[in-house]
Amino acid sequence: MDHPAASRPATAREIIQLIVANMREGLEPLHYSTLPPSIYHVYLHSDDLERLRPIARRIADEARQALDEEVQRLNQASLAERFKLARRTEPKISPPEGGWQIELFENTDDGVEPGDIEVRSELALPAKTEYGAGSATKRIATRRMGGAESTQKTIEPAGQSAAAASAAAPGAAAGGSASASPACAIIEYEDNGGRKSYRMTKEQIVVGRGGSGYWTDLKLDTLPDVSREHFRLRRDAASGQFFLKDLSRLGTTINGEKAPSSIEFVDGEKRDRNLEVPVPPEAKIGLAGVVTLEFRAEPRP
């Protein structure tokens, strides 16, 4: 990835602008309404995240306000429409019923520089015959890397892993990585959708059942015993070692041994202790005694 010689830090204003741009790119017109993505995850260089963390809530609040204003602007009738000289061709945008979900995270991908911003959003689509049975998920990744902006979209059919959806659409992002990217690990498992295989092409992924307000790279179709965000799996770029952070309610095991929970409650408030444990190159990862993932690290290039 090429970057200018002198990188400048990302600003809160740029983050909000990129979230709004992502929303515009992710609009999905139906017959009577147009749906926007409701979940937005912003990935930043560690320096930018550390600098902006104290105002993260303010950034999210103003981003929600900017999204509301953009929806209102896009829904306004044109002058020709107001004078009945033209008819509106697209149905109006309906803001998400549960509100806009916005969170900031560290971007652990290789080559990320201060100033780089990536916004990943998710939109649940209604069931369509061409996608197969059930609903589908539309994922949009809007990036500003080295000053250049780009957007990638992919549609993930129900019951299909993000890696399989990426393979079906060459060049599309699956959890933020192109299908041509080399895999650093392979994860095989079986859930209610059958036997599946997931190619981990990022330095960090989230595994769980997912849902409104919960981003997952590897989304499992299984019992509620598995948490919506069950664990995070991270590969250290320098050493190649994998680490697991358990965020679940009913626990995670690695080769039968229970991983310590990274979550604690202090004065009734849920906190992440940022506690990780190493994962062997080959391991069976159990989620609440319900699903077992067969993890295998790939040789480093």
C-alpha atoms as a PDB file:
ATOM      1  CA  MET A   1       0.000   0.000   0.000  1.00  0.00           C
ATOM      2  CA  ASP A   2       1.516   3.332  -1.052  1.00  0.00           C
ATOM      3  CA  HIS A   3       1.292   6.300   1.307  1.00  0.00           C
ATOM      4  CA  PRO A   4       2.562   9.848   1.106  1.00  0.00           C
ATOM      5  CA  ALA A   5       5.891  10.456   2.773  1.00  0.00           C
ATOM      6  CA  ALA A   6       4.326  12.584   5.515  1.00  0.00           C
ATOM      7  CA  SER A   7       1.116  11.185   6.967  1.00  0.00           C
ATOM      8  CA  ARG A   8      -1.250  13.440   8.859  1.00  0.00           C
ATOM      9  CA  PRO A   9      -3.584  12.234  11.596  1.00  0.00           C
ATOM     10  CA  ALA A  10      -7.229  11.468  10.935  1.00  0.00           C
ATOM     11  CA  THR A  11      -9.698  14.079  12.162  1.00  0.00           C
ATOM     12  CA  ALA A  12     -13.115  13.591  13.744  1.00  0.00           C
ATOM     13  CA  ARG A  13     -14.657  15.628  10.920  1.00  0.00           C
ATOM     14  CA  GLU A  14     -13.188  13.295   8.290  1.00  0.00           C
ATOM     15  CA  ILE A  15     -14.520  10.261  10.154  1.00  0.00           C
ATOM     16  CA  ILE A  16     -18.043  11.703  10.213  1.00  0.00           C
ATOM     17  CA  GLN A  17     -17.854  12.639   6.534  1.00  0.00           C
ATOM     18  CA  LEU A  18     -16.754   9.112   5.603  1.00  0.00           C
ATOM     19  CA  ILE A  19     -19.596   7.563   7.644  1.00  0.00           C
ATOM     20  CA  VAL A  20     -22.100   9.715   5.742  1.00  0.00           C
ATOM     21  CA  ALA A  21     -20.475   8.787   2.408  1.00  0.00           C
ATOM     22  CA  ASN A  22     -20.693   5.106   3.372  1.00  0.00           C
ATOM     23  CA  MET A  23     -24.412   5.486   4.113  1.00  0.00           C
ATOM     24  CA  ARG A  24     -25.040   6.980   0.672  1.00  0.00           C
ATOM     25  CA  GLU A  25     -23.142   4.138  -0.989  1.00  0.00           C
ATOM     26  CA  GLY A  26     -25.069   1.507   0.982  1.00  0.00           C
ATOM     27  CA  LEU A  27     -28.650   2.635   0.250  1.00  0.00           C
ATOM     28  CA  GLU A  28     -30.917  -0.217  -0.830  1.00  0.00           C
ATOM     29  CA  PRO A  29     -34.177   0.858  -2.578  1.00  0.00           C
ATOM     30  CA  LEU A  30     -37.240  -1.334  -2.012  1.00  0.00           C
ATOM     31  CA  HIS A  31     -40.719  -0.733  -3.468  1.00  0.00           C
ATOM     32  CA  TYR A  32     -42.075   1.673  -0.850  1.00  0.00           C
ATOM     33  CA  SER A  33     -38.926   2.669   1.048  1.00  0.00           C
ATOM     34  CA  THR A  34     -35.121   2.802   0.835  1.00  0.00           C
ATOM     35  CA  LEU A  35     -33.054   1.166   3.572  1.00  0.00           C
ATOM     36  CA  PRO A  36     -29.718   2.578   4.792  1.00  0.00           C
ATOM     37  CA  PRO A  37     -27.068   0.571   6.673  1.00  0.00           C
ATOM     38  CA  SER A  38     -27.589   0.846  10.423  1.00  0.00           C
ATOM     39  CA  ILE A  39     -24.273  -0.491  11.822  1.00  0.00           C
ATOM     40  CA  TYR A  40     -21.041   1.451  11.258  1.00  0.00           C
ATOM     41  CA  HIS A  41     -17.637   0.289  12.503  1.00  0.00           C
ATOM     42  CA  VAL A  42     -14.795   2.772  12.080  1.00  0.00           C
ATOM     43  CA  TYR A  43     -11.228   1.387  11.972  1.00  0.00           C
ATOM     44  CA  LEU A  44      -8.312   3.730  12.706  1.00  0.00           C
ATOM     45  CA  HIS A  45      -4.563   3.591  13.173  1.00  0.00           C
ATOM     46  CA  SER A  46      -3.712   2.981  16.842  1.00  0.00           C
ATOM     47  CA  ASP A  47      -2.280   6.520  17.232  1.00  0.00           C
ATOM     48  CA  ASP A  48      -5.453   8.104  15.848  1.00  0.00           C
ATOM     49  CA  LEU A  49      -7.675   5.886  17.979  1.00  0.00           C
ATOM     50  CA  GLU A  50      -5.744   6.708  21.146  1.00  0.00           C
ATOM     51  CA  ARG A  51      -5.918  10.440  20.397  1.00  0.00           C
ATOM     52  CA  LEU A  52      -9.640  10.437  19.581  1.00  0.00           C
ATOM     53  CA  ARG A  53     -10.790   7.914  22.206  1.00  0.00           C
ATOM     54  CA  PRO A  54     -11.711  10.634  24.790  1.00  0.00           C
ATOM     55  CA  ILE A  55     -14.202  12.154  22.317  1.00  0.00           C
ATOM     56  CA  ALA A  56     -15.387   8.881  20.723  1.00  0.00           C
ATOM     57  CA  ARG A  57     -18.894   9.286  22.156  1.00  0.00           C
ATOM     58  CA  ARG A  58     -19.096  12.865  20.859  1.00  0.00           C
ATOM     59  CA  ILE A  59     -17.961  11.698  17.412  1.00  0.00           C
ATOM     60  CA  ALA A  60     -20.652   9.001  17.376  1.00  0.00           C
ATOM     61  CA  ASP A  61     -23.331  11.477  18.509  1.00  0.00           C
ATOM     62  CA  GLU A  62     -22.432  14.025  15.836  1.00  0.00           C
ATOM     63  CA  ALA A  63     -22.185  11.279  13.202  1.00  0.00           C
ATOM     64  CA  ARG A  64     -25.753  10.219  14.058  1.00  0.00           C
ATOM     65  CA  GLN A  65     -26.871  13.831  13.708  1.00  0.00           C
ATOM     66  CA  ALA A  66     -25.070  14.117  10.353  1.00  0.00           C
ATOM     67  CA  LEU A  67     -26.712  10.890   9.138  1.00  0.00           C
ATOM     68  CA  ASP A  68     -30.156  12.199  10.135  1.00  0.00           C
ATOM     69  CA  GLU A  69     -29.515  15.477   8.309  1.00  0.00           C
ATOM     70  CA  GLU A  70     -28.281  13.666   5.191  1.00  0.00           C
ATOM     71  CA  VAL A  71     -31.368  11.426   5.152  1.00  0.00           C
ATOM     72  CA  GLN A  72     -33.570  14.510   5.496  1.00  0.00           C
ATOM     73  CA  ARG A  73     -31.686  16.234   2.659  1.00  0.00           C
ATOM     74  CA  LEU A  74     -31.941  13.217   0.352  1.00  0.00           C
ATOM     75  CA  ASN A  75     -35.646  12.861   1.108  1.00  0.00           C
ATOM     76  CA  GLN A  76     -36.440  16.478   0.221  1.00  0.00           C
ATOM     77  CA  ALA A  77     -38.426  16.908  -2.977  1.00  0.00           C
ATOM     78  CA  SER A  78     -36.661  18.664  -5.838  1.00  0.00           C
ATOM     79  CA  LEU A  79     -38.005  21.927  -7.212  1.00  0.00           C
ATOM     80  CA  ALA A  80     -39.484  20.085 -10.211  1.00  0.00           C
ATOM     81  CA  GLU A  81     -41.169  17.578  -7.904  1.00  0.00           C
ATOM     82  CA  ARG A  82     -42.640  20.337  -5.726  1.00  0.00           C
ATOM     83  CA  PHE A  83     -44.203  21.972  -8.789  1.00  0.00           C
ATOM     84  CA  LYS A  84     -45.459  18.578 -10.064  1.00  0.00           C
ATOM     85  CA  LEU A  85     -43.183  18.824 -13.103  1.00  0.00           C
ATOM     86  CA  ALA A  86     -41.464  15.543 -12.292  1.00  0.00           C
ATOM     87  CA  ARG A  87     -42.185  12.424 -10.277  1.00  0.00           C
ATOM     88  CA  ARG A  88     -39.893  11.017  -7.605  1.00  0.00           C
ATOM     89  CA  THR A  89     -38.156   7.960  -9.019  1.00  0.00           C
ATOM     90  CA  GLU A  90     -36.769   6.467  -5.761  1.00  0.00           C
ATOM     91  CA  PRO A  91     -38.723   5.727  -2.559  1.00  0.00           C
ATOM     92  CA  LYS A  92     -37.832   7.826   0.482  1.00  0.00           C
ATOM     93  CA  ILE A  93     -35.142   6.691   2.916  1.00  0.00           C
ATOM     94  CA  SER A  94     -36.386   5.207   6.190  1.00  0.00           C
ATOM     95  CA  PRO A  95     -33.942   5.713   9.107  1.00  0.00           C
ATOM     96  CA  PRO A  96     -33.197   2.451  10.985  1.00  0.00           C
ATOM     97  CA  GLU A  97     -35.779   1.663  13.662  1.00  0.00           C
ATOM     98  CA  GLY A  98     -33.106   0.846  16.233  1.00  0.00           C
ATOM     99  CA  GLY A  99     -31.096   3.983  15.477  1.00  0.00           C
ATOM    100  CA  TRP A 100     -27.570   4.353  14.078  1.00  0.00           C
ATOM    101  CA  GLN A 101     -24.954   2.065  15.704  1.00  0.00           C
ATOM    102  CA  ILE A 102     -21.443   3.597  15.522  1.00  0.00           C
ATOM    103  CA  GLU A 103     -18.232   2.343  17.154  1.00  0.00           C
ATOM    104  CA  LEU A 104     -14.487   3.040  16.782  1.00  0.00           C
ATOM    105  CA  PHE A 105     -11.873   0.261  16.644  1.00  0.00           C
ATOM    106  CA  GLU A 106      -8.149  -0.134  16.037  1.00  0.00           C
ATOM    107  CA  ASN A 107      -7.197  -1.167  12.503  1.00  0.00           C
ATOM    108  CA  THR A 108      -4.649  -3.964  12.927  1.00  0.00           C
ATOM    109  CA  ASP A 109      -4.124  -4.639   9.208  1.00  0.00           C
ATOM    110  CA  ASP A 110      -0.605  -4.432   7.798  1.00  0.00           C
ATOM    111  CA  GLY A 111       0.409  -1.144   6.171  1.00  0.00           C
ATOM    112  CA  VAL A 112      -2.075   1.077   8.005  1.00  0.00           C
ATOM    113  CA  GLU A 113      -0.755   4.603   8.575  1.00  0.00           C
ATOM    114  CA  PRO A 114      -1.937   7.523  10.738  1.00  0.00           C
ATOM    115  CA  GLY A 115      -4.680   9.305   8.833  1.00  0.00           C
ATOM    116  CA  ASP A 116      -6.084   6.130   7.264  1.00  0.00           C
ATOM    117  CA  ILE A 117      -9.790   5.615   7.924  1.00  0.00           C
ATOM    118  CA  GLU A 118     -11.955   2.610   7.091  1.00  0.00           C
ATOM    119  CA  VAL A 119     -15.712   2.505   7.671  1.00  0.00           C
ATOM    120  CA  ARG A 120     -17.459  -0.865   7.429  1.00  0.00           C
ATOM    121  CA  SER A 121     -21.227  -0.976   7.519  1.00  0.00           C
ATOM    122  CA  GLU A 122     -23.839  -3.699   7.460  1.00  0.00           C
ATOM    123  CA  LEU A 123     -27.361  -3.793   6.024  1.00  0.00           C
ATOM    124  CA  ALA A 124     -29.757  -6.710   6.451  1.00  0.00           C
ATOM    125  CA  LEU A 125     -31.616  -7.223   3.162  1.00  0.00           C
ATOM    126  CA  PRO A 126     -35.095  -8.724   2.781  1.00  0.00           C
ATOM    127  CA  ALA A 127     -35.287 -12.284   1.473  1.00  0.00           C
ATOM    128  CA  LYS A 128     -34.796 -12.502  -2.293  1.00  0.00           C
ATOM    129  CA  THR A 129     -35.066 -15.581  -4.442  1.00  0.00           C
ATOM    130  CA  GLU A 130     -31.806 -14.954  -6.256  1.00  0.00           C
ATOM    131  CA  TYR A 131     -29.885 -14.947  -2.963  1.00  0.00           C
ATOM    132  CA  GLY A 132     -31.322 -18.286  -1.871  1.00  0.00           C
ATOM    133  CA  ALA A 133     -33.487 -18.986   1.161  1.00  0.00           C
ATOM    134  CA  GLY A 134     -33.673 -16.420   3.917  1.00  0.00           C
ATOM    135  CA  SER A 135     -32.315 -12.908   4.140  1.00  0.00           C
ATOM    136  CA  ALA A 136     -28.923 -11.653   2.988  1.00  0.00           C
ATOM    137  CA  THR A 137     -26.389  -9.178   4.355  1.00  0.00           C
ATOM    138  CA  LYS A 138     -24.966  -6.291   2.359  1.00  0.00           C
ATOM    139  CA  ARG A 139     -21.554  -5.170   3.605  1.00  0.00           C
ATOM    140  CA  ILE A 140     -19.992  -1.874   2.517  1.00  0.00           C
ATOM    141  CA  ALA A 141     -16.380  -0.864   3.163  1.00  0.00           C
ATOM    142  CA  THR A 142     -15.497   2.784   2.522  1.00  0.00           C
ATOM    143  CA  ARG A 143     -11.811   3.578   2.873  1.00  0.00           C
ATOM    144  CA  ARG A 144      -9.619   6.651   2.806  1.00  0.00           C
ATOM    145  CA  MET A 145      -6.101   5.251   2.630  1.00  0.00           C
ATOM    146  CA  GLY A 146      -3.144   7.472   1.836  1.00  0.00           C
ATOM    147  CA  GLY A 147      -5.575  10.231   0.834  1.00  0.00           C
ATOM    148  CA  ALA A 148      -7.380   8.075  -1.756  1.00  0.00           C
ATOM    149  CA  GLU A 149     -11.019   7.105  -1.183  1.00  0.00           C
ATOM    150  CA  SER A 150     -12.616   3.865  -2.373  1.00  0.00           C
ATOM    151  CA  THR A 151     -15.728   1.789  -1.691  1.00  0.00           C
ATOM    152  CA  GLN A 152     -16.304  -1.959  -1.952  1.00  0.00           C
ATOM    153  CA  LYS A 153     -19.580  -3.839  -1.578  1.00  0.00           C
ATOM    154  CA  THR A 154     -20.487  -7.481  -1.191  1.00  0.00           C
ATOM    155  CA  ILE A 155     -23.732  -9.358  -0.566  1.00  0.00           C
ATOM    156  CA  GLU A 156     -23.497 -12.351   1.730  1.00  0.00           C
ATOM    157  CA  PRO A 157     -26.371 -14.857   1.287  1.00  0.00           C
ATOM    158  CA  ALA A 158     -27.901 -16.408   4.396  1.00  0.00           C
ATOM    159  CA  GLY A 159     -26.021 -19.470   5.612  1.00  0.00           C
ATOM    160  CA  GLN A 160     -22.892 -18.613   3.589  1.00  0.00           C
ATOM    161  CA  SER A 161     -19.647 -17.596   5.211  1.00  0.00           C
ATOM    162  CA  ALA A 162     -18.119 -14.219   4.426  1.00  0.00           C
ATOM    163  CA  ALA A 163     -15.176 -16.001   2.768  1.00  0.00           C
ATOM    164  CA  ALA A 164     -17.482 -17.940   0.449  1.00  0.00           C
ATOM    165  CA  ALA A 165     -19.360 -14.757  -0.446  1.00  0.00           C
ATOM    166  CA  SER A 166     -16.038 -13.110  -1.249  1.00  0.00           C
ATOM    167  CA  ALA A 167     -15.053 -16.001  -3.515  1.00  0.00           C
ATOM    168  CA  ALA A 168     -18.367 -15.657  -5.364  1.00  0.00           C
ATOM    169  CA  ALA A 169     -17.664 -11.977  -6.036  1.00  0.00           C
ATOM    170  CA  PRO A 170     -13.987 -11.552  -7.024  1.00  0.00           C
ATOM    171  CA  GLY A 171     -12.393  -8.386  -5.678  1.00  0.00           C
ATOM    172  CA  ALA A 172     -15.189  -7.745  -3.155  1.00  0.00           C
ATOM    173  CA  ALA A 173     -14.336  -7.281   0.507  1.00  0.00           C
ATOM    174  CA  ALA A 174     -15.301  -9.945   3.033  1.00  0.00           C
ATOM    175  CA  GLY A 175     -14.854  -8.443   6.477  1.00  0.00           C
ATOM    176  CA  GLY A 176     -12.564  -5.809   4.957  1.00  0.00           C
ATOM    177  CA  SER A 177     -10.207  -8.054   2.905  1.00  0.00           C
ATOM    178  CA  ALA A 178     -10.295  -8.954  -0.765  1.00  0.00           C
ATOM    179  CA  SER A 179     -10.803 -12.595  -1.716  1.00  0.00           C
ATOM    180  CA  ALA A 180      -7.385 -12.618  -3.399  1.00  0.00           C
ATOM    181  CA  SER A 181      -5.660 -11.801  -0.105  1.00  0.00           C
ATOM    182  CA  PRO A 182      -3.616 -14.674   1.337  1.00  0.00           C
ATOM    183  CA  ALA A 183      -5.206 -16.392   4.312  1.00  0.00           C
ATOM    184  CA  CYS A 184      -3.298 -16.344   7.602  1.00  0.00           C
ATOM    185  CA  ALA A 185      -5.590 -19.045   9.012  1.00  0.00           C
ATOM    186  CA  ILE A 186      -8.364 -21.449   8.015  1.00  0.00           C
ATOM    187  CA  ILE A 187     -11.337 -22.080  10.294  1.00  0.00           C
ATOM    188  CA  GLU A 188     -13.655 -25.015   9.604  1.00  0.00           C
ATOM    189  CA  TYR A 189     -16.890 -25.541  11.500  1.00  0.00           C
ATOM    190  CA  GLU A 190     -20.479 -26.702  11.314  1.00  0.00           C
ATOM    191  CA  ASP A 191     -23.517 -24.691  12.405  1.00  0.00           C
ATOM    192  CA  ASN A 192     -27.227 -24.783  11.501  1.00  0.00           C
ATOM    193  CA  GLY A 193     -26.313 -23.856   7.942  1.00  0.00           C
ATOM    194  CA  GLY A 194     -24.103 -26.930   7.465  1.00  0.00           C
ATOM    195  CA  ARG A 195     -20.373 -27.492   7.098  1.00  0.00           C
ATOM    196  CA  LYS A 196     -18.385 -24.346   6.274  1.00  0.00           C
ATOM    197  CA  SER A 197     -14.854 -23.046   5.886  1.00  0.00           C
ATOM    198  CA  TYR A 198     -13.683 -19.507   6.666  1.00  0.00           C
ATOM    199  CA  ARG A 199     -10.454 -17.932   5.368  1.00  0.00           C
ATOM    200  CA  MET A 200      -9.032 -15.431   7.834  1.00  0.00           C
ATOM    201  CA  THR A 201      -7.382 -12.712   5.748  1.00  0.00           C
ATOM    202  CA  LYS A 202      -7.281  -9.960   8.390  1.00  0.00           C
ATOM    203  CA  GLU A 203      -5.105  -9.486  11.451  1.00  0.00           C
ATOM    204  CA  GLN A 204      -8.193  -9.522  13.697  1.00  0.00           C
ATOM    205  CA  ILE A 205     -11.705 -10.971  13.424  1.00  0.00           C
ATOM    206  CA  VAL A 206     -14.825 -11.094  15.584  1.00  0.00           C
ATOM    207  CA  VAL A 207     -16.666 -14.425  15.927  1.00  0.00           C
ATOM    208  CA  GLY A 208     -20.223 -14.880  17.218  1.00  0.00           C
ATOM    209  CA  ARG A 209     -23.916 -14.894  16.338  1.00  0.00           C
ATOM    210  CA  GLY A 210     -23.947 -11.206  15.451  1.00  0.00           C
ATOM    211  CA  GLY A 211     -27.123  -9.153  15.306  1.00  0.00           C
ATOM    212  CA  SER A 212     -28.251  -5.528  15.505  1.00  0.00           C
ATOM    213  CA  GLY A 213     -25.428  -3.485  16.994  1.00  0.00           C
ATOM    214  CA  TYR A 214     -22.979  -6.419  16.901  1.00  0.00           C
ATOM    215  CA  TRP A 215     -20.417  -6.688  14.111  1.00  0.00           C
ATOM    216  CA  THR A 216     -19.077 -10.154  13.291  1.00  0.00           C
ATOM    217  CA  ASP A 217     -16.626 -11.275  10.626  1.00  0.00           C
ATOM    218  CA  LEU A 218     -17.462 -14.945  11.152  1.00  0.00           C
ATOM    219  CA  LYS A 219     -21.202 -15.102  11.838  1.00  0.00           C
ATOM    220  CA  LEU A 220     -22.526 -18.331  13.321  1.00  0.00           C
ATOM    221  CA  ASP A 221     -26.071 -19.635  12.851  1.00  0.00           C
ATOM    222  CA  THR A 222     -26.557 -21.446  16.138  1.00  0.00           C
ATOM    223  CA  LEU A 223     -28.148 -21.426  19.603  1.00  0.00           C
ATOM    224  CA  PRO A 224     -28.285 -18.289  21.804  1.00  0.00           C
ATOM    225  CA  ASP A 225     -25.761 -19.982  24.117  1.00  0.00           C
ATOM    226  CA  VAL A 226     -23.180 -18.565  21.716  1.00  0.00           C
ATOM    227  CA  SER A 227     -22.877 -14.823  22.381  1.00  0.00           C
ATOM    228  CA  ARG A 228     -23.509 -12.256  19.664  1.00  0.00           C
ATOM    229  CA  GLU A 229     -19.856 -11.218  20.006  1.00  0.00           C
ATOM    230  CA  HIS A 230     -18.303 -14.382  21.438  1.00  0.00           C
ATOM    231  CA  PHE A 231     -14.569 -13.839  20.986  1.00  0.00           C
ATOM    232  CA  ARG A 232     -11.962 -11.875  19.074  1.00  0.00           C
ATOM    233  CA  LEU A 233      -9.097 -13.639  17.333  1.00  0.00           C
ATOM    234  CA  ARG A 234      -5.973 -11.602  16.660  1.00  0.00           C
ATOM    235  CA  ARG A 235      -2.766 -12.386  14.810  1.00  0.00           C
ATOM    236  CA  ASP A 236       0.320 -10.505  15.932  1.00  0.00           C
ATOM    237  CA  ALA A 237       1.879  -9.093  12.772  1.00  0.00           C
ATOM    238  CA  ALA A 238       5.442  -9.232  14.113  1.00  0.00           C
ATOM    239  CA  SER A 239       5.509 -12.768  15.518  1.00  0.00           C
ATOM    240  CA  GLY A 240       2.648 -14.463  13.663  1.00  0.00           C
ATOM    241  CA  GLN A 241       1.276 -15.702  17.016  1.00  0.00           C
ATOM    242  CA  PHE A 242      -2.525 -15.854  17.352  1.00  0.00           C
ATOM    243  CA  PHE A 243      -4.322 -14.615  20.466  1.00  0.00           C
ATOM    244  CA  LEU A 244      -7.926 -15.079  21.617  1.00  0.00           C
ATOM    245  CA  LYS A 245      -9.961 -12.670  23.737  1.00  0.00           C
ATOM    246  CA  ASP A 246     -13.086 -14.230  25.280  1.00  0.00           C
ATOM    247  CA  LEU A 247     -16.037 -11.815  25.408  1.00  0.00           C
ATOM    248  CA  SER A 248     -18.785 -14.397  25.920  1.00  0.00           C
ATOM    249  CA  ARG A 249     -21.354 -15.147  28.597  1.00  0.00           C
ATOM    250  CA  LEU A 250     -20.941 -18.953  28.645  1.00  0.00           C
ATOM    251  CA  GLY A 251     -17.268 -19.273  27.861  1.00  0.00           C
ATOM    252  CA  THR A 252     -14.739 -20.361  25.255  1.00  0.00           C
ATOM    253  CA  THR A 253     -12.348 -23.323  25.320  1.00  0.00           C
ATOM    254  CA  ILE A 254      -9.064 -23.918  23.479  1.00  0.00           C
ATOM    255  CA  ASN A 255      -8.303 -27.623  23.056  1.00  0.00           C
ATOM    256  CA  GLY A 256     -10.643 -28.327  25.966  1.00  0.00           C
ATOM    257  CA  GLU A 257      -9.088 -25.762  28.323  1.00  0.00           C
ATOM    258  CA  LYS A 258     -11.315 -22.858  29.396  1.00  0.00           C
ATOM    259  CA  ALA A 259     -10.028 -19.465  28.275  1.00  0.00           C
ATOM    260  CA  PRO A 260     -10.183 -16.735  30.949  1.00  0.00           C
ATOM    261  CA  SER A 261     -12.906 -14.156  30.361  1.00  0.00           C
ATOM    262  CA  SER A 262     -11.822 -10.667  29.325  1.00  0.00           C
ATOM    263  CA  ILE A 263     -15.081  -9.210  30.657  1.00  0.00           C
ATOM    264  CA  GLU A 264     -15.639  -7.998  34.202  1.00  0.00           C
ATOM    265  CA  PHE A 265     -18.409  -6.032  35.887  1.00  0.00           C
ATOM    266  CA  VAL A 266     -17.470  -3.069  38.090  1.00  0.00           C
ATOM    267  CA  ASP A 267     -20.295  -1.231  39.866  1.00  0.00           C
ATOM    268  CA  GLY A 268     -22.727  -2.831  37.459  1.00  0.00           C
ATOM    269  CA  GLU A 269     -20.776  -1.596  34.418  1.00  0.00           C
ATOM    270  CA  LYS A 270     -19.411  -4.054  31.864  1.00  0.00           C
ATOM    271  CA  ARG A 271     -15.688  -3.574  31.178  1.00  0.00           C
ATOM    272  CA  ASP A 272     -13.187  -5.219  28.857  1.00  0.00           C
ATOM    273  CA  ARG A 273      -9.936  -6.107  30.653  1.00  0.00           C
ATOM    274  CA  ASN A 274      -8.212  -6.610  27.284  1.00  0.00           C
ATOM    275  CA  LEU A 275      -7.103 -10.082  28.413  1.00  0.00           C
ATOM    276  CA  GLU A 276      -5.816 -12.376  25.652  1.00  0.00           C
ATOM    277  CA  VAL A 277      -4.480 -15.947  25.623  1.00  0.00           C
ATOM    278  CA  PRO A 278      -2.262 -17.544  22.941  1.00  0.00           C
ATOM    279  CA  VAL A 279      -3.771 -19.997  20.461  1.00  0.00           C
ATOM    280  CA  PRO A 280      -1.658 -22.917  19.125  1.00  0.00           C
ATOM    281  CA  PRO A 281      -1.117 -23.222  15.342  1.00  0.00           C
ATOM    282  CA  GLU A 282      -3.757 -25.974  15.346  1.00  0.00           C
ATOM    283  CA  ALA A 283      -6.578 -25.896  17.869  1.00  0.00           C
ATOM    284  CA  LYS A 284     -10.180 -26.808  18.509  1.00  0.00           C
ATOM    285  CA  ILE A 285     -11.995 -23.715  19.777  1.00  0.00           C
ATOM    286  CA  GLY A 286     -15.252 -24.451  21.595  1.00  0.00           C
ATOM    287  CA  LEU A 287     -18.028 -21.885  21.985  1.00  0.00           C
ATOM    288  CA  ALA A 288     -20.304 -22.479  25.004  1.00  0.00           C
ATOM    289  CA  GLY A 289     -20.185 -26.231  24.367  1.00  0.00           C
ATOM    290  CA  VAL A 290     -22.391 -25.696  21.306  1.00  0.00           C
ATOM    291  CA  VAL A 291     -20.086 -25.106  18.302  1.00  0.00           C
ATOM    292  CA  THR A 292     -16.494 -26.218  17.750  1.00  0.00           C
ATOM    293  CA  LEU A 293     -14.198 -24.373  15.348  1.00  0.00           C
ATOM    294  CA  GLU A 294     -11.238 -26.260  13.872  1.00  0.00           C
ATOM    295  CA  PHE A 295      -8.540 -23.617  13.663  1.00  0.00           C
ATOM    296  CA  ARG A 296      -5.381 -23.979  11.569  1.00  0.00           C
ATOM    297  CA  ALA A 297      -2.750 -21.259  11.141  1.00  0.00           C
ATOM    298  CA  GLU A 298      -1.310 -20.972   7.644  1.00  0.00           C
ATOM    299  CA  PRO A 299       2.469 -20.746   7.080  1.00  0.00           C
ATOM    300  CA  ARG A 300       3.723 -17.174   6.891  1.00  0.00           C
ATOM    301  CA  PRO A 301       4.854 -16.098   3.392  1.00  0.00           C
END
